[in-house]
C-alpha atoms as a PDB file:
ATOM      1  CA  MET A   1     172.926 153.440  92.583  1.00  0.00           C
ATOM      2  CA  PRO A   2     170.641 151.273  90.600  1.00  0.00           C
ATOM      3  CA  ARG A   3     168.001 152.438  88.023  1.00  0.00           C
ATOM      4  CA  THR A   4     164.751 151.081  86.753  1.00  0.00           C
ATOM      5  CA  PHE A   5     163.429 151.603  82.962  1.00  0.00           C
ATOM      6  CA  ASP A   6     160.289 153.166  82.336  1.00  0.00           C
ATOM      7  CA  LEU A   7     159.224 151.103  78.754  1.00  0.00           C
ATOM      8  CA  ARG A   8     156.338 154.055  77.890  1.00  0.00           C
ATOM      9  CA  THR A   9     158.619 156.931  77.959  1.00  0.00           C
ATOM     10  CA  GLY A  10     162.295 155.578  77.161  1.00  0.00           C
ATOM     11  CA  LEU A  11     163.690 156.939  80.311  1.00  0.00           C
ATOM     12  CA  ASN A  12     166.058 155.691  82.984  1.00  0.00           C
ATOM     13  CA  ILE A  13     164.768 156.475  86.412  1.00  0.00           C
ATOM     14  CA  ASN A  14     166.569 156.747  89.896  1.00  0.00           C
ATOM     15  CA  PRO A  15     165.017 156.168  93.103  1.00  0.00           C
ATOM     16  CA  GLN A  16     164.879 159.693  94.022  1.00  0.00           C
ATOM     17  CA  GLY A  17     162.382 160.113  90.894  1.00  0.00           C
ATOM     18  CA  SER A  18     164.624 162.134  88.533  1.00  0.00           C
ATOM     19  CA  ALA A  19     164.901 160.687  84.941  1.00  0.00           C
ATOM     20  CA  ASN A  20     167.302 160.703  81.910  1.00  0.00           C
ATOM     21  CA  MET A  21     166.864 159.489  78.304  1.00  0.00           C
ATOM     22  CA  LEU A  22     168.880 156.274  77.625  1.00  0.00           C
ATOM     23  CA  SER A  23     172.307 156.848  75.762  1.00  0.00           C
ATOM     24  CA  LEU A  24     174.578 154.370  74.129  1.00  0.00           C
ATOM     25  CA  SER A  25     176.360 153.816  77.673  1.00  0.00           C
ATOM     26  CA  SER A  26     173.408 153.387  79.769  1.00  0.00           C
ATOM     27  CA  PRO A  27     173.316 149.759  81.540  1.00  0.00           C
ATOM     28  CA  ILE A  28     170.049 148.956  79.749  1.00  0.00           C
ATOM     29  CA  SER A  29     170.359 149.339  75.819  1.00  0.00           C
ATOM     30  CA  SER A  30     167.059 149.958  74.680  1.00  0.00           C
ATOM     31  CA  ALA A  31     167.663 147.600  71.739  1.00  0.00           C
ATOM     32  CA  PRO A  32     168.042 144.638  73.218  1.00  0.00           C
ATOM     33  CA  LEU A  33     165.254 145.328  75.846  1.00  0.00           C
ATOM     34  CA  ALA A  34     163.053 146.001  72.485  1.00  0.00           C
ATOM     35  CA  GLY A  35     164.048 142.795  71.236  1.00  0.00           C
ATOM     36  CA  ALA A  36     163.494 141.093  74.373  1.00  0.00           C
ATOM     37  CA  THR A  37     160.085 142.611  74.969  1.00  0.00           C
ATOM     38  CA  LEU A  38     158.989 141.329  71.498  1.00  0.00           C
ATOM     39  CA  LEU A  39     160.123 138.000  71.764  1.00  0.00           C
ATOM     40  CA  THR A  40     158.541 137.209  75.145  1.00  0.00           C
ATOM     41  CA  LEU A  41     155.094 138.999  74.225  1.00  0.00           C
ATOM     42  CA  ALA A  42     155.210 137.254  71.044  1.00  0.00           C
ATOM     43  CA  ALA A  43     155.843 133.605  72.675  1.00  0.00           C
ATOM     44  CA  SER A  44     153.282 134.449  75.463  1.00  0.00           C
ATOM     45  CA  ILE A  45     150.609 135.471  73.089  1.00  0.00           C
ATOM     46  CA  TYR A  46     150.830 132.658  70.676  1.00  0.00           C
ATOM     47  CA  PHE A  47     151.043 129.971  73.543  1.00  0.00           C
ATOM     48  CA  ILE A  48     147.737 131.598  75.469  1.00  0.00           C
ATOM     49  CA  ARG A  49     145.927 131.829  72.274  1.00  0.00           C
ATOM     50  CA  ASN A  50     146.374 128.226  71.169  1.00  0.00           C
ATOM     51  CA  ILE A  51     146.085 127.036  74.493  1.00  0.00           C
ATOM     52  CA  SER A  52     142.702 128.259  74.848  1.00  0.00           C
ATOM     53  CA  GLN A  53     141.301 126.640  71.529  1.00  0.00           C
ATOM     54  CA  ILE A  54     142.231 123.410  72.677  1.00  0.00           C
ATOM     55  CA  GLY A  55     139.370 121.035  73.511  1.00  0.00           C
ATOM     56  CA  THR A  56     136.778 123.444  71.279  1.00  0.00           C
ATOM     57  CA  PRO A  57     134.832 120.884  69.120  1.00  0.00           C
ATOM     58  CA  ASN A  58     134.388 121.622  65.406  1.00  0.00           C
ATOM     59  CA  ARG A  59     130.812 123.129  64.676  1.00  0.00           C
ATOM     60  CA  GLN A  60     130.013 121.032  61.946  1.00  0.00           C
ATOM     61  CA  ARG A  61     129.703 118.027  64.056  1.00  0.00           C
ATOM     62  CA  ARG A  62     126.760 119.939  65.060  1.00  0.00           C
ATOM     63  CA  ILE A  63     125.647 121.574  62.129  1.00  0.00           C
ATOM     64  CA  LYS A  64     126.347 119.808  58.668  1.00  0.00           C
ATOM     65  CA  PRO A  65     127.579 122.196  56.138  1.00  0.00           C
ATOM     66  CA  ALA A  66     125.048 121.311  53.538  1.00  0.00           C
ATOM     67  CA  GLU A  67     122.255 122.243  56.390  1.00  0.00           C
ATOM     68  CA  GLU A  68     123.832 125.479  57.618  1.00  0.00           C
ATOM     69  CA  ARG A  69     121.747 128.663  57.202  1.00  0.00           C
ATOM     70  CA  VAL A  70     124.034 131.368  56.993  1.00  0.00           C
ATOM     71  CA  LEU A  71     122.983 135.353  56.373  1.00  0.00           C
ATOM     72  CA  VAL A  72     125.902 137.459  54.771  1.00  0.00           C
ATOM     73  CA  ILE A  73     125.551 141.183  55.264  1.00  0.00           C
ATOM     74  CA  GLY A  74     127.470 143.184  53.023  1.00  0.00           C
ATOM     75  CA  ALA A  75     127.683 140.719  49.990  1.00  0.00           C
ATOM     76  CA  SER A  76     127.764 142.706  46.989  1.00  0.00           C
ATOM     77  CA  SER A  77     131.538 143.243  46.846  1.00  0.00           C
ATOM     78  CA  GLY A  78     134.919 142.522  48.651  1.00  0.00           C
ATOM     79  CA  LEU A  79     135.118 140.278  51.394  1.00  0.00           C
ATOM     80  CA  GLY A  80     131.349 139.619  51.770  1.00  0.00           C
ATOM     81  CA  ARG A  81     131.210 138.549  48.232  1.00  0.00           C
ATOM     82  CA  ALA A  82     133.915 135.994  48.797  1.00  0.00           C
ATOM     83  CA  VAL A  83     132.703 134.871  52.295  1.00  0.00           C
ATOM     84  CA  ALA A  84     129.302 134.121  50.517  1.00  0.00           C
ATOM     85  CA  LYS A  85     130.851 132.209  47.477  1.00  0.00           C
ATOM     86  CA  GLN A  86     132.529 130.020  49.638  1.00  0.00           C
ATOM     87  CA  TYR A  87     129.779 129.108  51.833  1.00  0.00           C
ATOM     88  CA  ALA A  88     127.490 128.439  48.618  1.00  0.00           C
ATOM     89  CA  ALA A  89     130.710 126.374  47.439  1.00  0.00           C
ATOM     90  CA  ARG A  90     130.124 123.918  50.374  1.00  0.00           C
ATOM     91  CA  ASN A  91     126.404 123.584  49.832  1.00  0.00           C
ATOM     92  CA  ALA A  92     125.289 125.939  52.499  1.00  0.00           C
ATOM     93  CA  ARG A  93     121.774 127.866  52.167  1.00  0.00           C
ATOM     94  CA  VAL A  94     122.783 131.572  51.822  1.00  0.00           C
ATOM     95  CA  CYS A  95     120.790 134.751  51.921  1.00  0.00           C
ATOM     96  CA  ILE A  96     123.003 137.537  50.867  1.00  0.00           C
ATOM     97  CA  VAL A  97     122.433 141.432  51.609  1.00  0.00           C
ATOM     98  CA  ALA A  98     123.422 144.665  50.390  1.00  0.00           C
ATOM     99  CA  ARG A  99     122.065 147.659  48.928  1.00  0.00           C
ATOM    100  CA  ARG A 100     123.206 147.079  45.048  1.00  0.00           C
ATOM    101  CA  ALA A 101     120.442 144.945  43.228  1.00  0.00           C
ATOM    102  CA  GLU A 102     122.082 144.432  40.202  1.00  0.00           C
ATOM    103  CA  GLN A 103     125.392 142.714  42.011  1.00  0.00           C
ATOM    104  CA  LEU A 104     123.334 140.785  44.267  1.00  0.00           C
ATOM    105  CA  ALA A 105     121.507 139.255  41.362  1.00  0.00           C
ATOM    106  CA  GLN A 106     124.707 138.291  39.808  1.00  0.00           C
ATOM    107  CA  LEU A 107     126.134 136.869  43.005  1.00  0.00           C
ATOM    108  CA  ALA A 108     123.208 134.581  43.523  1.00  0.00           C
ATOM    109  CA  LYS A 109     123.153 133.247  40.221  1.00  0.00           C
ATOM    110  CA  GLU A 110     126.827 132.233  40.731  1.00  0.00           C
ATOM    111  CA  CYS A 111     126.076 130.675  44.241  1.00  0.00           C
ATOM    112  CA  GLY A 112     123.132 128.395  43.052  1.00  0.00           C
ATOM    113  CA  GLU A 113     119.740 127.646  43.778  1.00  0.00           C
ATOM    114  CA  LYS A 114     120.113 127.255  47.931  1.00  0.00           C
ATOM    115  CA  CYS A 115     121.171 131.165  47.578  1.00  0.00           C
ATOM    116  CA  PHE A 116     118.710 134.030  47.521  1.00  0.00           C
ATOM    117  CA  PHE A 117     119.272 137.706  47.893  1.00  0.00           C
ATOM    118  CA  VAL A 118     117.297 140.494  49.309  1.00  0.00           C
ATOM    119  CA  VAL A 119     118.226 144.316  48.777  1.00  0.00           C
ATOM    120  CA  ALA A 120     118.655 146.046  52.125  1.00  0.00           C
ATOM    121  CA  ASN A 121     120.300 149.036  54.142  1.00  0.00           C
ATOM    122  CA  PHE A 122     121.706 147.134  57.080  1.00  0.00           C
ATOM    123  CA  SER A 123     121.476 150.296  59.304  1.00  0.00           C
ATOM    124  CA  ASP A 124     117.949 150.463  58.515  1.00  0.00           C
ATOM    125  CA  ALA A 125     115.763 148.745  61.285  1.00  0.00           C
ATOM    126  CA  GLY A 126     112.883 148.011  58.755  1.00  0.00           C
ATOM    127  CA  ASP A 127     114.779 146.589  56.353  1.00  0.00           C
ATOM    128  CA  MET A 128     116.432 144.189  58.314  1.00  0.00           C
ATOM    129  CA  VAL A 129     113.160 142.966  60.218  1.00  0.00           C
ATOM    130  CA  ARG A 130     111.882 142.325  56.184  1.00  0.00           C
ATOM    131  CA  VAL A 131     115.102 140.381  55.916  1.00  0.00           C
ATOM    132  CA  ARG A 132     114.321 138.550  59.325  1.00  0.00           C
ATOM    133  CA  GLU A 133     110.796 137.734  57.817  1.00  0.00           C
ATOM    134  CA  GLU A 134     112.130 136.538  54.735  1.00  0.00           C
ATOM    135  CA  ILE A 135     114.567 134.152  56.273  1.00  0.00           C
ATOM    136  CA  LEU A 136     111.722 132.738  58.581  1.00  0.00           C
ATOM    137  CA  GLY A 137     109.587 132.297  55.736  1.00  0.00           C
ATOM    138  CA  LYS A 138     112.066 130.113  53.623  1.00  0.00           C
ATOM    139  CA  TRP A 139     114.499 128.684  56.546  1.00  0.00           C
ATOM    140  CA  HIS A 140     112.143 128.792  59.676  1.00  0.00           C
ATOM    141  CA  GLY A 141     115.620 129.821  61.769  1.00  0.00           C
ATOM    142  CA  LEU A 142     119.417 130.813  61.268  1.00  0.00           C
ATOM    143  CA  ASP A 143     122.669 129.432  62.075  1.00  0.00           C
ATOM    144  CA  THR A 144     124.952 131.923  61.109  1.00  0.00           C
ATOM    145  CA  LEU A 145     125.220 135.574  60.959  1.00  0.00           C
ATOM    146  CA  CYS A 146     128.187 137.360  59.002  1.00  0.00           C
ATOM    147  CA  VAL A 147     128.428 141.041  59.144  1.00  0.00           C
ATOM    148  CA  CYS A 148     130.596 142.203  56.511  1.00  0.00           C
ATOM    149  CA  ALA A 149     129.432 145.542  55.715  1.00  0.00           C
ATOM    150  CA  GLY A 150     131.011 148.662  56.315  1.00  0.00           C
ATOM    151  CA  VAL A 151     132.261 151.780  55.138  1.00  0.00           C
ATOM    152  CA  SER A 152     136.134 153.487  54.887  1.00  0.00           C
ATOM    153  CA  ALA A 153     137.726 156.698  56.082  1.00  0.00           C
ATOM    154  CA  VAL A 154     140.953 157.710  54.695  1.00  0.00           C
ATOM    155  CA  GLN A 155     141.537 161.290  55.553  1.00  0.00           C
ATOM    156  CA  PRO A 156     143.401 162.980  58.578  1.00  0.00           C
ATOM    157  CA  VAL A 157     140.622 164.267  61.096  1.00  0.00           C
ATOM    158  CA  MET A 158     141.900 167.904  60.895  1.00  0.00           C
ATOM    159  CA  LYS A 159     141.907 167.961  57.072  1.00  0.00           C
ATOM    160  CA  LEU A 160     138.097 166.963  56.578  1.00  0.00           C
ATOM    161  CA  ALA A 161     137.669 170.495  59.261  1.00  0.00           C
ATOM    162  CA  GLY A 162     139.901 172.365  56.360  1.00  0.00           C
ATOM    163  CA  VAL A 163     143.190 172.404  58.102  1.00  0.00           C
ATOM    164  CA  ASP A 164     146.159 170.871  56.067  1.00  0.00           C
ATOM    165  CA  VAL A 165     148.604 168.474  57.856  1.00  0.00           C
ATOM    166  CA  GLY A 166     151.531 170.463  59.755  1.00  0.00           C
ATOM    167  CA  ARG A 167     149.210 173.828  60.032  1.00  0.00           C
ATOM    168  CA  ASP A 168     148.197 175.044  63.368  1.00  0.00           C
ATOM    169  CA  ASP A 169     145.315 177.327  61.792  1.00  0.00           C
ATOM    170  CA  ASP A 170     141.806 177.232  63.783  1.00  0.00           C
ATOM    171  CA  ALA A 171     139.184 175.390  62.001  1.00  0.00           C
ATOM    172  CA  SER A 172     136.090 177.284  61.073  1.00  0.00           C
ATOM    173  CA  GLY A 173     132.445 176.576  62.152  1.00  0.00           C
ATOM    174  CA  ALA A 174     131.873 175.241  58.699  1.00  0.00           C
ATOM    175  CA  GLY A 175     134.887 173.225  58.545  1.00  0.00           C
ATOM    176  CA  ILE A 176     133.844 171.689  61.952  1.00  0.00           C
ATOM    177  CA  GLN A 177     130.476 170.659  61.019  1.00  0.00           C
ATOM    178  CA  HIS A 178     131.701 168.984  57.886  1.00  0.00           C
ATOM    179  CA  ALA A 179     133.823 166.858  59.799  1.00  0.00           C
ATOM    180  CA  VAL A 180     131.315 165.749  62.292  1.00  0.00           C
ATOM    181  CA  ASP A 181     128.963 165.229  59.002  1.00  0.00           C
ATOM    182  CA  ILE A 182     131.565 162.768  57.662  1.00  0.00           C
ATOM    183  CA  ALA A 183     132.069 161.378  61.155  1.00  0.00           C
ATOM    184  CA  ALA A 184     128.103 160.700  60.889  1.00  0.00           C
ATOM    185  CA  ARG A 185     128.456 158.796  57.674  1.00  0.00           C
ATOM    186  CA  ALA A 186     130.961 156.834  59.118  1.00  0.00           C
ATOM    187  CA  THR A 187     129.212 156.020  62.082  1.00  0.00           C
ATOM    188  CA  GLN A 188     125.991 155.197  60.173  1.00  0.00           C
ATOM    189  CA  GLY A 189     127.984 152.398  58.509  1.00  0.00           C
ATOM    190  CA  ASN A 190     130.638 151.233  61.106  1.00  0.00           C
ATOM    191  CA  VAL A 191     128.678 151.438  64.341  1.00  0.00           C
ATOM    192  CA  TYR A 192     124.482 151.592  63.615  1.00  0.00           C
ATOM    193  CA  GLY A 193     124.652 148.736  60.927  1.00  0.00           C
ATOM    194  CA  PRO A 194     126.438 146.254  63.237  1.00  0.00           C
ATOM    195  CA  LEU A 195     124.009 147.193  66.150  1.00  0.00           C
ATOM    196  CA  VAL A 196     120.812 146.705  64.003  1.00  0.00           C
ATOM    197  CA  ALA A 197     121.945 143.629  62.626  1.00  0.00           C
ATOM    198  CA  ALA A 198     122.565 142.360  65.992  1.00  0.00           C
ATOM    199  CA  LEU A 199     119.540 143.383  67.561  1.00  0.00           C
ATOM    200  CA  THR A 200     117.425 142.012  64.718  1.00  0.00           C
ATOM    201  CA  PHE A 201     119.144 138.436  64.608  1.00  0.00           C
ATOM    202  CA  ILE A 202     120.393 137.663  67.995  1.00  0.00           C
ATOM    203  CA  PRO A 203     116.892 136.514  69.471  1.00  0.00           C
ATOM    204  CA  LEU A 204     116.331 134.242  66.033  1.00  0.00           C
ATOM    205  CA  LEU A 205     119.993 132.915  66.343  1.00  0.00           C
ATOM    206  CA  THR A 206     119.415 131.499  70.034  1.00  0.00           C
ATOM    207  CA  ARG A 207     115.900 130.246  69.310  1.00  0.00           C
ATOM    208  CA  THR A 208     116.518 128.286  66.226  1.00  0.00           C
ATOM    209  CA  SER A 209     120.191 127.302  66.059  1.00  0.00           C
ATOM    210  CA  THR A 210     121.566 124.356  68.010  1.00  0.00           C
ATOM    211  CA  SER A 211     125.376 126.205  67.626  1.00  0.00           C
ATOM    212  CA  PRO A 212     124.501 129.692  66.667  1.00  0.00           C
ATOM    213  CA  SER A 213     127.264 131.862  65.669  1.00  0.00           C
ATOM    214  CA  ILE A 214     127.779 135.576  64.806  1.00  0.00           C
ATOM    215  CA  LEU A 215     131.181 136.712  62.356  1.00  0.00           C
ATOM    216  CA  LEU A 216     131.802 140.323  62.851  1.00  0.00           C
ATOM    217  CA  VAL A 217     134.333 141.610  60.010  1.00  0.00           C
ATOM    218  CA  SER A 218     136.328 144.258  61.721  1.00  0.00           C
ATOM    219  CA  SER A 219     139.732 145.735  60.891  1.00  0.00           C
ATOM    220  CA  VAL A 220     143.180 145.627  62.418  1.00  0.00           C
ATOM    221  CA  ALA A 221     142.730 149.405  62.780  1.00  0.00           C
ATOM    222  CA  ALA A 222     140.305 148.937  65.485  1.00  0.00           C
ATOM    223  CA  VAL A 223     142.810 147.618  67.817  1.00  0.00           C
ATOM    224  CA  VAL A 224     146.181 149.496  66.550  1.00  0.00           C
ATOM    225  CA  PRO A 225     145.982 153.308  65.779  1.00  0.00           C
ATOM    226  CA  ALA A 226     147.071 154.735  62.573  1.00  0.00           C
ATOM    227  CA  PRO A 227     147.579 158.406  61.228  1.00  0.00           C
ATOM    228  CA  THR A 228     144.520 159.187  58.394  1.00  0.00           C
ATOM    229  CA  ARG A 229     142.456 156.374  60.006  1.00  0.00           C
ATOM    230  CA  ALA A 230     141.273 157.893  62.961  1.00  0.00           C
ATOM    231  CA  LEU A 231     137.675 158.079  61.864  1.00  0.00           C
ATOM    232  CA  TYR A 232     137.657 154.598  60.421  1.00  0.00           C
ATOM    233  CA  ALA A 233     139.560 153.044  63.584  1.00  0.00           C
ATOM    234  CA  ALA A 234     137.355 154.705  66.006  1.00  0.00           C
ATOM    235  CA  THR A 235     134.203 153.733  64.461  1.00  0.00           C
ATOM    236  CA  LYS A 236     135.598 150.034  63.870  1.00  0.00           C
ATOM    237  CA  ALA A 237     136.511 149.699  67.563  1.00  0.00           C
ATOM    238  CA  SER A 238     133.115 150.803  68.621  1.00  0.00           C
ATOM    239  CA  SER A 239     131.490 147.982  66.974  1.00  0.00           C
ATOM    240  CA  LEU A 240     134.010 145.541  67.988  1.00  0.00           C
ATOM    241  CA  LEU A 241     133.548 146.514  71.500  1.00  0.00           C
ATOM    242  CA  LEU A 242     129.971 146.331  71.090  1.00  0.00           C
ATOM    243  CA  PHE A 243     129.907 142.865  69.873  1.00  0.00           C
ATOM    244  CA  GLN A 244     132.713 141.730  72.550  1.00  0.00           C
ATOM    245  CA  SER A 245     130.201 143.164  75.127  1.00  0.00           C
ATOM    246  CA  LEU A 246     127.158 141.202  73.605  1.00  0.00           C
ATOM    247  CA  ALA A 247     129.244 137.926  73.465  1.00  0.00           C
ATOM    248  CA  ILE A 248     129.097 138.489  77.281  1.00  0.00           C
ATOM    249  CA  GLU A 249     125.581 139.133  77.237  1.00  0.00           C
ATOM    250  CA  HIS A 250     124.980 136.005  75.233  1.00  0.00           C
ATOM    251  CA  PRO A 251     127.026 133.278  76.222  1.00  0.00           C
ATOM    252  CA  ASN A 252     125.191 130.796  74.038  1.00  0.00           C
ATOM    253  CA  ILE A 253     126.587 132.549  70.823  1.00  0.00           C
ATOM    254  CA  THR A 254     129.832 132.034  69.543  1.00  0.00           C
ATOM    255  CA  PHE A 255     131.228 135.467  68.536  1.00  0.00           C
ATOM    256  CA  THR A 256     134.364 135.515  66.252  1.00  0.00           C
ATOM    257  CA  PHE A 257     136.042 138.793  65.317  1.00  0.00           C
ATOM    258  CA  ILE A 258     138.220 139.052  62.157  1.00  0.00           C
ATOM    259  CA  LEU A 259     140.441 141.517  62.042  1.00  0.00           C
ATOM    260  CA  PRO A 260     142.537 141.690  58.818  1.00  0.00           C
ATOM    261  CA  ALA A 261     144.995 144.240  57.690  1.00  0.00           C
ATOM    262  CA  THR A 262     144.587 145.915  54.437  1.00  0.00           C
ATOM    263  CA  ILE A 263     142.676 143.390  51.849  1.00  0.00           C
ATOM    264  CA  GLU A 264     143.091 143.662  47.952  1.00  0.00           C
ATOM    265  CA  GLY A 265     140.228 145.457  46.050  1.00  0.00           C
ATOM    266  CA  ASN A 266     138.715 149.043  45.985  1.00  0.00           C
ATOM    267  CA  PHE A 267     137.401 149.369  49.451  1.00  0.00           C
ATOM    268  CA  ARG A 268     139.048 152.681  49.777  1.00  0.00           C
ATOM    269  CA  ALA A 269     137.545 154.138  46.916  1.00  0.00           C
ATOM    270  CA  SER A 270     134.278 154.472  48.389  1.00  0.00           C
ATOM    271  CA  ALA A 271     135.399 156.114  51.730  1.00  0.00           C
ATOM    272  CA  VAL A 272     133.170 158.491  53.223  1.00  0.00           C
ATOM    273  CA  ASP A 273     135.867 161.106  53.132  1.00  0.00           C
ATOM    274  CA  ALA A 274     137.491 159.648  49.737  1.00  0.00           C
ATOM    275  CA  ASP A 275     138.919 162.314  47.406  1.00  0.00           C
ATOM    276  CA  PRO A 276     139.296 162.490  43.530  1.00  0.00           C
ATOM    277  CA  ALA A 277     142.471 160.980  43.569  1.00  0.00           C
ATOM    278  CA  THR A 278     141.613 158.310  46.335  1.00  0.00           C
ATOM    279  CA  ARG A 279     138.425 157.484  43.833  1.00  0.00           C
ATOM    280  CA  GLU A 280     140.513 157.358  41.047  1.00  0.00           C
ATOM    281  CA  ALA A 281     143.651 155.193  42.390  1.00  0.00           C
ATOM    282  CA  GLY A 282     142.048 151.858  41.107  1.00  0.00           C
ATOM    283  CA  LEU A 283     142.346 148.739  42.630  1.00  0.00           C
ATOM    284  CA  ASN A 284     144.730 148.034  45.693  1.00  0.00           C
ATOM    285  CA  GLN A 285     146.415 144.714  44.733  1.00  0.00           C
ATOM    286  CA  ARG A 286     149.189 144.557  47.552  1.00  0.00           C
ATOM    287  CA  GLY A 287     146.751 143.918  50.427  1.00  0.00           C
ATOM    288  CA  LEU A 288     145.852 140.328  51.827  1.00  0.00           C
ATOM    289  CA  LYS A 289     144.172 137.975  49.420  1.00  0.00           C
ATOM    290  CA  LEU A 290     140.124 138.267  49.306  1.00  0.00           C
ATOM    291  CA  ASP A 291     139.849 134.249  49.126  1.00  0.00           C
ATOM    292  CA  TYR A 292     142.464 133.589  51.733  1.00  0.00           C
ATOM    293  CA  VAL A 293     140.927 135.910  54.704  1.00  0.00           C
ATOM    294  CA  ALA A 294     137.329 134.732  53.465  1.00  0.00           C
ATOM    295  CA  GLN A 295     138.886 130.998  54.043  1.00  0.00           C
ATOM    296  CA  ARG A 296     140.041 132.357  57.699  1.00  0.00           C
ATOM    297  CA  CYS A 297     136.544 133.784  58.367  1.00  0.00           C
ATOM    298  CA  LEU A 298     135.201 130.246  57.450  1.00  0.00           C
ATOM    299  CA  ASP A 299     137.585 128.514  59.444  1.00  0.00           C
ATOM    300  CA  SER A 300     137.442 130.496  62.749  1.00  0.00           C
ATOM    301  CA  VAL A 301     133.349 129.871  62.719  1.00  0.00           C
ATOM    302  CA  ASP A 302     133.743 126.047  62.360  1.00  0.00           C
ATOM    303  CA  ARG A 303     136.352 125.916  64.934  1.00  0.00           C
ATOM    304  CA  GLN A 304     134.039 128.137  67.291  1.00  0.00           C
ATOM    305  CA  VAL A 305     136.787 130.682  67.808  1.00  0.00           C
ATOM    306  CA  ARG A 306     135.875 132.989  70.332  1.00  0.00           C
ATOM    307  CA  GLY A 307     137.314 136.703  70.322  1.00  0.00           C
ATOM    308  CA  ASN A 308     139.987 138.305  67.797  1.00  0.00           C
ATOM    309  CA  VAL A 309     141.406 136.840  64.729  1.00  0.00           C
ATOM    310  CA  ILE A 310     144.065 139.332  63.659  1.00  0.00           C
ATOM    311  CA  ILE A 311     145.199 138.789  60.189  1.00  0.00           C
ATOM    312  CA  PRO A 312     148.286 138.514  59.865  1.00  0.00           C
ATOM    313  CA  TRP A 313     149.225 137.646  63.282  1.00  0.00           C
ATOM    314  CA  PHE A 314     152.609 138.796  63.072  1.00  0.00           C
ATOM    315  CA  PRO A 315     153.317 141.759  63.318  1.00  0.00           C
ATOM    316  CA  TYR A 316     149.673 143.063  64.256  1.00  0.00           C
ATOM    317  CA  SER A 317     148.956 141.364  67.261  1.00  0.00           C
ATOM    318  CA  ILE A 318     152.376 141.804  68.547  1.00  0.00           C
ATOM    319  CA  ALA A 319     151.464 145.905  67.777  1.00  0.00           C
ATOM    320  CA  HIS A 320     148.072 145.579  69.509  1.00  0.00           C
ATOM    321  CA  HIS A 321     149.523 144.303  72.947  1.00  0.00           C
ATOM    322  CA  LEU A 322     152.769 146.120  72.674  1.00  0.00           C
ATOM    323  CA  TYR A 323     150.874 149.500  72.426  1.00  0.00           C
ATOM    324  CA  SER A 324     149.827 149.135  76.284  1.00  0.00           C
ATOM    325  CA  LEU A 325     153.552 149.013  77.021  1.00  0.00           C
ATOM    326  CA  TRP A 326     155.304 151.297  74.654  1.00  0.00           C
ATOM    327  CA  PRO A 327     152.893 153.385  72.926  1.00  0.00           C
ATOM    328  CA  SER A 328     155.412 156.031  71.612  1.00  0.00           C
ATOM    329  CA  LEU A 329     157.107 152.977  69.851  1.00  0.00           C
ATOM    330  CA  ILE A 330     153.713 152.223  67.690  1.00  0.00           C
ATOM    331  CA  GLU A 331     153.284 155.693  67.334  1.00  0.00           C
ATOM    332  CA  LYS A 332     156.431 156.179  65.584  1.00  0.00           C
ATOM    333  CA  GLN A 333     156.014 152.951  63.445  1.00  0.00           C
ATOM    334  CA  ALA A 334     152.436 154.118  62.344  1.00  0.00           C
ATOM    335  CA  ARG A 335     153.683 157.269  61.383  1.00  0.00           C
ATOM    336  CA  LYS A 336     156.838 155.244  59.164  1.00  0.00           C
ATOM    337  CA  LYS A 337     154.162 152.986  57.811  1.00  0.00           C
ATOM    338  CA  TYR A 338     151.928 155.554  56.508  1.00  0.00           C
ATOM    339  CA  ASN A 339     154.623 158.408  55.793  1.00  0.00           C
ATOM    340  CA  PHE A 340     152.860 160.640  57.615  1.00  0.00           C
ATOM    341  CA  ARG A 341     154.724 163.558  58.717  1.00  0.00           C
END
């Protein structure tokens, strides 16, 4: 009697509803099926993504690079700094914002006379209104908002509550509260900050730009789950969905979302839950190159790419879509990648 194959469970299911695990003698082998699924999925995603961009005009036809007014939030280090420098290199007007005055002053000097900085916390409404007033006073408007700020989190959630990996001890009240406090810090940086930025600048962009654009730097962790990244993934996913919904509410603004894998630098060292070993680990030199990701950011905004830009496209875009079909496979590969047992 013919059987069907359930991708989610890896079971053969007969018409009466009973199931058994695939064996090597099964009519349908899991390896060829997995390969065929991946190839079909990859080809479909690539084709649809490229077709959707056909006919999209280059934004530089409407706003000349030397006239573009760009606000980069989270510019004192990392990707935000690289994005600001690349905009300045093509002679755009750039406002850089972060909390660290010394680093901002140095960056403004490197970016040249068309760059100015404002020391501010982007999750503070008063600070962001002050930034808006500075921009209005100097430029009378804004064309591009780049939200590059954020915080990392790198510990298993139960460990934050005092329960080590592999143990089934009950968390204490104090341990649970500690985990909640850490989660609040991650939410402050990765959810409230982007929300405040959007609320502050969406009307200004809409009112004063001929081609308003918002770039949100998110993470591949927002769409592909990973162990030890639960808080980071959850808060990044929250702000991503927030901005995806804002894109529907404000169709005159082009919303572009950059979702990179791990980038070189010391982003993890500043994690809200970093332990001494993480802080002392030094620079990560094996991730994506900052300048490459920054260039992808500018290129995506110039081409008015709407939606997610996953970097690198393979394998993470495939993993994102395959999770809906075969979650156990993605979970297994994630545990392997992070050596999580």
